[in-house]
C-alpha atoms as a PDB file:
ATOM      1  CA  MET A   1      37.327 -10.894   4.775  1.00  0.00           C
ATOM      2  CA  ALA A   2      36.845  -7.304   5.546  1.00  0.00           C
ATOM      3  CA  LYS A   3      34.720  -6.360   8.464  1.00  0.00           C
ATOM      4  CA  ALA A   4      31.625  -4.293   7.472  1.00  0.00           C
ATOM      5  CA  ARG A   5      31.830  -0.763   8.648  1.00  0.00           C
ATOM      6  CA  GLU A   6      29.163   0.335  11.145  1.00  0.00           C
ATOM      7  CA  LYS A   7      26.770   3.064  10.252  1.00  0.00           C
ATOM      8  CA  PRO A   8      27.842   6.392  12.013  1.00  0.00           C
ATOM      9  CA  PRO A   9      25.447   7.046  14.907  1.00  0.00           C
ATOM     10  CA  ALA A  10      24.259  10.337  13.626  1.00  0.00           C
ATOM     11  CA  THR A  11      22.923   8.885  10.401  1.00  0.00           C
ATOM     12  CA  THR A  12      20.468   6.716  12.366  1.00  0.00           C
ATOM     13  CA  HIS A  13      18.478   9.835  13.285  1.00  0.00           C
ATOM     14  CA  GLN A  14      15.729  11.297  11.144  1.00  0.00           C
ATOM     15  CA  LEU A  15      16.602  14.066   8.783  1.00  0.00           C
ATOM     16  CA  VAL A  16      15.025  17.381   9.870  1.00  0.00           C
ATOM     17  CA  TRP A  17      14.884  20.994   8.648  1.00  0.00           C
ATOM     18  CA  VAL A  18      15.767  23.319  11.451  1.00  0.00           C
ATOM     19  CA  THR A  19      14.756  26.983  11.054  1.00  0.00           C
ATOM     20  CA  TRP A  20      16.601  29.293  13.393  1.00  0.00           C
ATOM     21  CA  ARG A  21      17.445  32.970  13.987  1.00  0.00           C
ATOM     22  CA  ASP A  22      20.919  34.331  13.755  1.00  0.00           C
ATOM     23  CA  ALA A  23      22.548  37.788  13.541  1.00  0.00           C
ATOM     24  CA  VAL A  24      23.966  38.979  10.205  1.00  0.00           C
ATOM     25  CA  ASN A  25      27.150  40.789  10.597  1.00  0.00           C
ATOM     26  CA  GLN A  26      30.862  39.954  11.125  1.00  0.00           C
ATOM     27  CA  SER A  27      32.546  40.516  14.463  1.00  0.00           C
ATOM     28  CA  ALA A  28      34.009  43.870  14.126  1.00  0.00           C
ATOM     29  CA  ARG A  29      34.199  47.249  15.682  1.00  0.00           C
ATOM     30  CA  ILE A  30      31.368  49.501  14.552  1.00  0.00           C
ATOM     31  CA  HIS A  31      30.316  53.031  15.295  1.00  0.00           C
ATOM     32  CA  ALA A  32      27.059  53.697  17.289  1.00  0.00           C
ATOM     33  CA  ASP A  33      25.330  55.020  14.187  1.00  0.00           C
ATOM     34  CA  ASP A  34      25.865  51.640  12.461  1.00  0.00           C
ATOM     35  CA  TRP A  35      24.076  49.600  15.221  1.00  0.00           C
ATOM     36  CA  ALA A  36      20.797  49.803  13.410  1.00  0.00           C
ATOM     37  CA  ASN A  37      22.423  48.009  10.366  1.00  0.00           C
ATOM     38  CA  VAL A  38      22.891  44.745  12.367  1.00  0.00           C
ATOM     39  CA  SER A  39      19.959  42.601  11.477  1.00  0.00           C
ATOM     40  CA  ILE A  40      18.440  39.164  12.375  1.00  0.00           C
ATOM     41  CA  VAL A  41      17.758  36.571   9.729  1.00  0.00           C
ATOM     42  CA  GLN A  42      16.176  33.115   9.675  1.00  0.00           C
ATOM     43  CA  ASN A  43      18.441  30.248   8.536  1.00  0.00           C
ATOM     44  CA  LYS A  44      17.057  26.848   7.437  1.00  0.00           C
ATOM     45  CA  ASN A  45      19.485  23.935   7.708  1.00  0.00           C
ATOM     46  CA  LEU A  46      19.073  20.204   7.000  1.00  0.00           C
ATOM     47  CA  GLY A  47      20.654  17.614   9.194  1.00  0.00           C
ATOM     48  CA  TRP A  48      20.339  15.232  12.096  1.00  0.00           C
ATOM     49  CA  ILE A  49      19.661  16.422  15.729  1.00  0.00           C
ATOM     50  CA  VAL A  50      22.177  14.253  17.641  1.00  0.00           C
ATOM     51  CA  ASP A  51      21.921  15.970  20.980  1.00  0.00           C
ATOM     52  CA  GLN A  52      19.889  18.578  22.554  1.00  0.00           C
ATOM     53  CA  ASN A  53      19.549  20.216  26.021  1.00  0.00           C
ATOM     54  CA  ALA A  54      18.125  23.328  27.531  1.00  0.00           C
ATOM     55  CA  ASP A  55      20.837  25.517  26.064  1.00  0.00           C
ATOM     56  CA  ARG A  56      21.570  24.188  22.566  1.00  0.00           C
ATOM     57  CA  LEU A  57      20.545  21.820  19.796  1.00  0.00           C
ATOM     58  CA  LEU A  58      23.333  20.024  18.021  1.00  0.00           C
ATOM     59  CA  LEU A  59      22.584  19.660  14.361  1.00  0.00           C
ATOM     60  CA  CYS A  60      25.005  17.446  12.232  1.00  0.00           C
ATOM     61  CA  HIS A  61      24.873  17.957   8.509  1.00  0.00           C
ATOM     62  CA  GLY A  62      27.877  15.778   7.307  1.00  0.00           C
ATOM     63  CA  VAL A  63      30.122  12.946   8.196  1.00  0.00           C
ATOM     64  CA  SER A  64      33.610  12.135   6.855  1.00  0.00           C
ATOM     65  CA  SER A  65      35.041   8.628   6.141  1.00  0.00           C
ATOM     66  CA  SER A  66      37.218   9.176   9.237  1.00  0.00           C
ATOM     67  CA  GLY A  67      34.136   9.472  11.385  1.00  0.00           C
ATOM     68  CA  GLU A  68      34.256  13.121  12.055  1.00  0.00           C
ATOM     69  CA  PHE A  69      30.994  15.185  11.913  1.00  0.00           C
ATOM     70  CA  ASP A  70      30.146  18.634  10.566  1.00  0.00           C
ATOM     71  CA  CYS A  71      27.818  20.302  13.175  1.00  0.00           C
ATOM     72  CA  PHE A  72      26.116  23.424  14.233  1.00  0.00           C
ATOM     73  CA  ALA A  73      25.431  24.173  17.870  1.00  0.00           C
ATOM     74  CA  ILE A  74      22.352  26.204  17.702  1.00  0.00           C
ATOM     75  CA  PRO A  75      21.114  28.059  20.864  1.00  0.00           C
ATOM     76  CA  THR A  76      17.743  26.482  21.855  1.00  0.00           C
ATOM     77  CA  GLU A  77      16.136  29.943  22.270  1.00  0.00           C
ATOM     78  CA  ASN A  78      16.922  30.684  18.595  1.00  0.00           C
ATOM     79  CA  VAL A  79      15.196  27.670  17.138  1.00  0.00           C
ATOM     80  CA  VAL A  80      11.947  28.713  15.369  1.00  0.00           C
ATOM     81  CA  ALA A  81      10.878  25.298  13.977  1.00  0.00           C
ATOM     82  CA  VAL A  82      11.920  21.636  13.541  1.00  0.00           C
ATOM     83  CA  GLU A  83      10.321  19.781  10.661  1.00  0.00           C
ATOM     84  CA  PRO A  84      11.059  16.286   9.476  1.00  0.00           C
ATOM     85  CA  LEU A  85      12.187  15.973   5.940  1.00  0.00           C
ATOM     86  CA  VAL A  86       9.935  13.077   5.293  1.00  0.00           C
ATOM     87  CA  LYS A  87       6.730  12.703   7.304  1.00  0.00           C
ATOM     88  CA  LYS A  88       6.434   9.374   8.921  1.00  0.00           C
ATOM     89  CA  ARG A  89       4.157   7.020   7.124  1.00  0.00           C
ATOM     90  CA  THR A  90       0.861   6.125   8.869  1.00  0.00           C
ATOM     91  CA  LYS A  91      -0.928   2.784   8.448  1.00  0.00           C
ATOM     92  CA  VAL A  92      -3.905   3.021   6.218  1.00  0.00           C
ATOM     93  CA  THR A  93      -6.566   0.521   6.654  1.00  0.00           C
ATOM     94  CA  ILE A  94      -8.271  -0.516   3.476  1.00  0.00           C
ATOM     95  CA  GLU A  95     -11.633  -2.173   3.996  1.00  0.00           C
ATOM     96  CA  ALA A  96     -12.460  -4.965   1.512  1.00  0.00           C
ATOM     97  CA  LYS A  97     -15.683  -4.281  -0.373  1.00  0.00           C
ATOM     98  CA  HIS A  98     -18.122  -7.107  -0.416  1.00  0.00           C
END
């Protein structure tokens, strides 16, 4: 009988939207008068935060059948917001009417 494959560790984390700032431009030589054209945008990516420290947040957004993960290392100072995809449910107490 085939052994059941374990769930990859990153998929046990909650899915979150991470909004973060990044520069828009390719790495290239530019003239000084083009410096003003380099801009900052906000990206929004969905994934699992699998590790985080003072320098960076590691957001995984895919996993292959071989166990390799697709991840972004986002500088912590560039993170604008982290929002859960699904809000955690809260217990609601329903009082019985007499």
